[in-house]
Amino acid sequence: MVAREVGKKEYSESAKAQAALRKEIDRLTAINTWNEDGVQPLHAVKRAADRQEIKIHIGRVFWIMVEKNSELSPD
């Protein structure tokens, strides 16, 4: 199996790629992978942690899109 990265330009021009990403986001949202209800600006989180003298860990959510089996024909 060969996986090829799908770039932003190709993604923006491909309805099929956009539908695949939407399907994956919907799947991850349905199983509560992350909680968007408590999102706050980074500066506010850092300020609160400093005031409470607690250690925090910050993460970012982003996507990487690849085309699996890219060596095969689209058909």
N, C-alpha and C. Protein backbone atom coordinates (compact mmCIF):
# COMPACT_ATOMS: atom_id res chain seq x y z
N MET A 1 0.84 -1.18 0.00
CA MET A 1 0.00 0.00 0.00
C MET A 1 0.89 1.24 0.00
N VAL A 2 0.54 2.16 -0.86
CA VAL A 2 1.26 3.42 -0.94
C VAL A 2 0.28 4.53 -0.54
N ALA A 3 0.73 5.41 0.34
CA ALA A 3 -0.09 6.56 0.73
C ALA A 3 0.61 7.82 0.25
N ARG A 4 -0.15 8.68 -0.39
CA ARG A 4 0.38 9.93 -0.93
C ARG A 4 -0.34 11.09 -0.26
N GLU A 5 0.44 12.08 0.18
CA GLU A 5 -0.17 13.24 0.84
C GLU A 5 -0.98 14.05 -0.16
N VAL A 6 -2.14 14.50 0.28
CA VAL A 6 -3.01 15.34 -0.53
C VAL A 6 -2.79 16.78 -0.07
N GLY A 7 -2.33 17.62 -0.96
CA GLY A 7 -2.04 19.01 -0.62
C GLY A 7 -3.29 19.87 -0.53
N LYS A 8 -3.12 21.08 0.00
CA LYS A 8 -4.25 21.99 0.19
C LYS A 8 -4.94 22.34 -1.12
N LYS A 9 -4.16 22.58 -2.16
CA LYS A 9 -4.74 22.95 -3.46
C LYS A 9 -5.58 21.81 -4.01
N GLU A 10 -5.03 20.60 -3.98
CA GLU A 10 -5.76 19.44 -4.47
C GLU A 10 -7.02 19.21 -3.64
N TYR A 11 -6.89 19.35 -2.32
CA TYR A 11 -8.04 19.16 -1.44
C TYR A 11 -9.14 20.18 -1.76
N SER A 12 -8.73 21.44 -1.97
CA SER A 12 -9.73 22.49 -2.20
C SER A 12 -10.47 22.30 -3.53
N GLU A 13 -9.87 21.56 -4.46
CA GLU A 13 -10.48 21.34 -5.78
C GLU A 13 -11.21 20.00 -5.87
N SER A 14 -11.16 19.18 -4.82
CA SER A 14 -11.72 17.84 -4.89
C SER A 14 -12.90 17.66 -3.93
N ALA A 15 -14.09 17.56 -4.50
CA ALA A 15 -15.28 17.33 -3.68
C ALA A 15 -15.19 15.99 -2.96
N LYS A 16 -14.57 15.01 -3.61
CA LYS A 16 -14.42 13.68 -3.00
C LYS A 16 -13.53 13.74 -1.76
N ALA A 17 -12.43 14.50 -1.83
CA ALA A 17 -11.53 14.65 -0.69
C ALA A 17 -12.22 15.41 0.44
N GLN A 18 -12.97 16.44 0.10
CA GLN A 18 -13.69 17.21 1.11
C GLN A 18 -14.75 16.36 1.80
N ALA A 19 -15.44 15.51 1.04
CA ALA A 19 -16.45 14.62 1.61
C ALA A 19 -15.80 13.60 2.54
N ALA A 20 -14.63 13.10 2.16
CA ALA A 20 -13.92 12.12 3.00
C ALA A 20 -13.49 12.75 4.32
N LEU A 21 -13.00 13.99 4.27
CA LEU A 21 -12.60 14.68 5.49
C LEU A 21 -13.82 14.95 6.37
N ARG A 22 -14.92 15.40 5.78
CA ARG A 22 -16.15 15.66 6.55
C ARG A 22 -16.63 14.38 7.23
N LYS A 23 -16.57 13.26 6.51
CA LYS A 23 -17.00 11.96 7.07
C LYS A 23 -16.13 11.60 8.29
N GLU A 24 -14.83 11.80 8.18
CA GLU A 24 -13.93 11.47 9.28
C GLU A 24 -14.15 12.40 10.48
N ILE A 25 -14.34 13.68 10.23
CA ILE A 25 -14.61 14.63 11.32
C ILE A 25 -15.91 14.26 12.02
N ASP A 26 -16.94 13.93 11.24
CA ASP A 26 -18.22 13.53 11.83
C ASP A 26 -18.08 12.27 12.67
N ARG A 27 -17.28 11.31 12.19
CA ARG A 27 -17.06 10.07 12.94
C ARG A 27 -16.36 10.35 14.26
N LEU A 28 -15.32 11.16 14.23
CA LEU A 28 -14.57 11.48 15.44
C LEU A 28 -15.41 12.30 16.42
N THR A 29 -16.24 13.19 15.90
CA THR A 29 -17.12 13.98 16.76
C THR A 29 -18.16 13.09 17.43
N ALA A 30 -18.69 12.12 16.69
CA ALA A 30 -19.72 11.22 17.22
C ALA A 30 -19.22 10.38 18.39
N ILE A 31 -17.93 10.08 18.41
CA ILE A 31 -17.38 9.26 19.50
C ILE A 31 -16.70 10.12 20.56
N ASN A 32 -17.02 11.43 20.54
CA ASN A 32 -16.50 12.37 21.56
C ASN A 32 -14.98 12.36 21.67
N THR A 33 -14.30 12.44 20.53
CA THR A 33 -12.85 12.46 20.53
C THR A 33 -12.32 13.73 21.20
N TRP A 34 -13.01 14.82 21.03
CA TRP A 34 -12.64 16.08 21.66
C TRP A 34 -13.90 16.81 22.08
N ASN A 35 -13.73 17.78 22.96
CA ASN A 35 -14.85 18.56 23.46
C ASN A 35 -14.61 20.03 23.12
N GLU A 36 -15.42 20.55 22.24
CA GLU A 36 -15.25 21.94 21.81
C GLU A 36 -15.97 22.92 22.72
N ASP A 37 -16.74 22.44 23.70
CA ASP A 37 -17.52 23.32 24.56
C ASP A 37 -16.64 24.19 25.46
N GLY A 38 -15.48 23.69 25.86
CA GLY A 38 -14.65 24.43 26.81
C GLY A 38 -13.49 25.17 26.17
N VAL A 39 -13.51 25.38 24.87
CA VAL A 39 -12.41 26.04 24.19
C VAL A 39 -12.29 27.48 24.67
N GLN A 40 -11.05 27.89 24.98
CA GLN A 40 -10.77 29.24 25.46
C GLN A 40 -9.53 29.77 24.76
N PRO A 41 -9.38 31.08 24.72
CA PRO A 41 -8.15 31.65 24.13
C PRO A 41 -6.92 31.18 24.92
N LEU A 42 -5.85 30.92 24.22
CA LEU A 42 -4.63 30.42 24.85
C LEU A 42 -4.14 31.34 25.96
N HIS A 43 -4.16 32.65 25.72
CA HIS A 43 -3.66 33.58 26.74
C HIS A 43 -4.47 33.47 28.03
N ALA A 44 -5.78 33.22 27.93
CA ALA A 44 -6.63 33.11 29.12
C ALA A 44 -6.29 31.83 29.89
N VAL A 45 -6.04 30.75 29.17
CA VAL A 45 -5.69 29.48 29.82
C VAL A 45 -4.34 29.62 30.54
N LYS A 46 -3.37 30.23 29.87
CA LYS A 46 -2.05 30.42 30.48
C LYS A 46 -2.15 31.31 31.72
N ARG A 47 -2.91 32.37 31.63
CA ARG A 47 -3.06 33.29 32.77
C ARG A 47 -3.69 32.56 33.97
N ALA A 48 -4.73 31.78 33.72
CA ALA A 48 -5.39 31.04 34.80
C ALA A 48 -4.44 30.03 35.43
N ALA A 49 -3.64 29.35 34.60
CA ALA A 49 -2.68 28.37 35.12
C ALA A 49 -1.61 29.06 35.97
N ASP A 50 -1.16 30.21 35.52
CA ASP A 50 -0.16 30.96 36.30
C ASP A 50 -0.72 31.39 37.65
N ARG A 51 -1.95 31.88 37.65
CA ARG A 51 -2.58 32.30 38.91
C ARG A 51 -2.75 31.14 39.88
N GLN A 52 -3.09 29.96 39.35
CA GLN A 52 -3.32 28.79 40.20
C GLN A 52 -2.04 27.99 40.44
N GLU A 53 -0.97 28.44 39.80
CA GLU A 53 0.33 27.77 39.91
C GLU A 53 0.24 26.28 39.58
N ILE A 54 -0.39 26.00 38.45
CA ILE A 54 -0.50 24.62 37.99
C ILE A 54 0.18 24.48 36.63
N LYS A 55 0.63 23.28 36.34
CA LYS A 55 1.26 22.97 35.06
C LYS A 55 0.16 22.55 34.08
N ILE A 56 0.22 23.08 32.88
CA ILE A 56 -0.76 22.72 31.86
C ILE A 56 -0.05 22.17 30.63
N HIS A 57 -0.80 21.43 29.84
CA HIS A 57 -0.30 20.87 28.58
C HIS A 57 -1.25 21.33 27.48
N ILE A 58 -0.70 21.92 26.45
CA ILE A 58 -1.49 22.48 25.37
C ILE A 58 -1.33 21.59 24.13
N GLY A 59 -2.43 21.32 23.46
CA GLY A 59 -2.39 20.54 22.22
C GLY A 59 -3.13 21.27 21.11
N ARG A 60 -2.87 20.89 19.92
CA ARG A 60 -3.55 21.47 18.76
C ARG A 60 -4.13 20.34 17.93
N VAL A 61 -5.30 20.57 17.38
CA VAL A 61 -5.95 19.60 16.50
C VAL A 61 -5.72 20.06 15.07
N PHE A 62 -5.23 19.17 14.24
CA PHE A 62 -5.06 19.49 12.83
C PHE A 62 -5.21 18.20 12.03
N TRP A 63 -5.38 18.31 10.75
CA TRP A 63 -5.57 17.12 9.95
C TRP A 63 -4.43 16.95 8.95
N ILE A 64 -4.17 15.70 8.65
CA ILE A 64 -3.23 15.32 7.60
C ILE A 64 -4.02 14.42 6.67
N MET A 65 -4.07 14.76 5.41
CA MET A 65 -4.84 13.96 4.47
C MET A 65 -3.91 13.22 3.54
N VAL A 66 -4.14 11.91 3.42
CA VAL A 66 -3.39 11.08 2.49
C VAL A 66 -4.36 10.27 1.66
N GLU A 67 -3.92 9.92 0.49
CA GLU A 67 -4.69 9.05 -0.39
C GLU A 67 -4.08 7.65 -0.29
N LYS A 68 -4.85 6.72 0.26
CA LYS A 68 -4.37 5.34 0.39
C LYS A 68 -4.41 4.66 -0.98
N ASN A 69 -3.49 3.75 -1.17
CA ASN A 69 -3.40 2.98 -2.44
C ASN A 69 -3.33 3.89 -3.65
N SER A 70 -2.54 4.94 -3.54
CA SER A 70 -2.47 5.94 -4.62
C SER A 70 -1.85 5.37 -5.90
N GLU A 71 -1.21 4.21 -5.80
CA GLU A 71 -0.61 3.62 -6.99
C GLU A 71 -1.67 2.94 -7.90
N LEU A 72 -2.88 2.76 -7.37
CA LEU A 72 -3.94 2.12 -8.13
C LEU A 72 -4.72 3.16 -8.94
N SER A 73 -5.41 2.69 -9.98
CA SER A 73 -6.22 3.62 -10.77
C SER A 73 -7.45 4.02 -9.95
N PRO A 74 -8.02 5.20 -10.20
CA PRO A 74 -9.20 5.65 -9.44
C PRO A 74 -10.40 4.72 -9.57
N ASP A 75 -10.43 3.94 -10.64
CA ASP A 75 -11.56 3.03 -10.86
C ASP A 75 -11.41 1.79 -9.99
